[in-house]
Protein backbone atom coordinates (compact mmCIF):
# COMPACT_ATOMS: atom_id res chain seq x y z
CA MET A 1 9.27 -0.97 2.78
CA ASN A 2 9.09 2.81 2.82
CA GLU A 3 7.91 5.16 0.07
CA TYR A 4 11.44 5.70 -1.27
CA ASP A 5 12.04 1.94 -1.65
CA MET A 6 8.68 1.55 -3.36
CA LYS A 7 9.48 4.32 -5.86
CA ILE A 8 12.78 2.60 -6.72
CA LEU A 9 10.93 -0.67 -7.38
CA ILE A 10 8.32 1.13 -9.49
CA ASN A 11 11.00 2.82 -11.61
CA ALA A 12 12.72 -0.54 -12.10
CA GLN A 13 9.34 -2.12 -12.97
CA ALA A 14 10.04 -4.72 -10.29
CA LEU A 15 6.69 -4.65 -8.44
CA LYS A 16 4.44 -7.57 -9.30
CA ARG A 17 1.41 -6.95 -7.11
CA VAL A 18 0.10 -3.91 -5.25
CA SER A 19 -3.04 -3.94 -3.15
CA ILE A 20 -4.86 -1.95 -0.50
CA HIS A 21 -6.08 -3.96 2.50
CA PHE A 22 -8.58 -2.92 5.13
CA GLY A 23 -7.18 -3.42 8.62
CA VAL A 24 -10.00 -4.51 10.93
CA MET A 25 -8.08 -3.81 14.13
CA SER A 26 -6.88 -0.36 13.05
CA GLN A 27 -10.09 0.56 11.19
CA GLY A 28 -7.96 1.92 8.36
CA TYR A 29 -6.33 0.94 5.09
CA MET A 30 -2.77 -0.15 4.35
CA VAL A 31 -0.83 -0.48 1.11
CA ILE A 32 0.75 -3.89 0.46
CA ALA A 33 3.36 -4.24 -2.30
CA ASP A 34 4.60 -7.75 -3.13
CA GLY A 35 3.51 -8.95 0.31
CA ARG A 36 5.24 -6.16 2.23
CA ALA A 37 3.39 -3.32 3.94
CA LEU A 38 4.24 0.30 3.25
CA GLU A 39 5.92 1.68 6.39
CA THR A 40 6.55 5.04 8.03
CA ALA A 41 10.06 6.33 8.75
CA LYS A 42 9.76 4.74 12.22
CA GLY A 43 9.16 1.31 10.68
CA GLU A 44 5.47 1.16 11.61
CA THR A 45 2.82 0.17 9.07
CA ARG A 46 1.50 3.28 7.34
CA GLU A 47 -2.25 3.53 7.79
CA PHE A 48 -4.75 5.59 5.81
CA LYS A 49 -8.13 6.67 7.18
CA THR A 50 -9.86 6.36 3.81
CA LEU A 51 -9.56 4.20 0.73
CA ASP A 52 -9.33 7.40 -1.34
CA ALA A 53 -6.24 8.54 0.55
CA ALA A 54 -4.44 5.26 -0.07
CA ALA A 55 -5.45 5.23 -3.75
CA LYS A 56 -4.33 8.86 -4.16
CA LEU A 57 -0.85 7.96 -2.91
CA LEU A 58 -0.62 5.06 -5.36
CA PHE A 59 -1.75 7.27 -8.26
CA LYS A 60 0.82 9.89 -7.22
CA MET A 61 3.52 7.21 -7.32
CA GLY A 62 2.43 6.13 -10.80
CA ILE A 63 0.47 2.99 -9.92
CA ALA A 64 -2.96 2.82 -11.54
CA ASP A 65 -3.45 -0.95 -11.42
CA PHE A 66 -4.00 -2.34 -7.93
CA THR A 67 -6.49 -4.50 -6.04
CA VAL A 68 -8.56 -3.69 -2.99
CA LYS A 69 -9.20 -6.28 -0.30
CA LEU A 70 -11.88 -5.28 2.18
CA LYS A 71 -12.32 -8.58 3.98
CA THR A 72 -9.67 -11.03 5.12
CA SER A 73 -10.22 -14.72 4.40
CA VAL A 74 -10.27 -17.17 7.25
């Protein structure tokens, strides 16, 4: 899902869950919306160096309620 698709879902109030996950392998953060990662125009997972950068994007898109997952469960 790219930013444009996510904005359409936000405007339609169709998103149920948005979260920011820490990627251990990439040492960065990624935005997950309804189980799908936010992607770049090339179709790669969009990564953020800081939690603040990912949160700033969500605020800019109009999302103020999201979860943060720093550790993956095994």
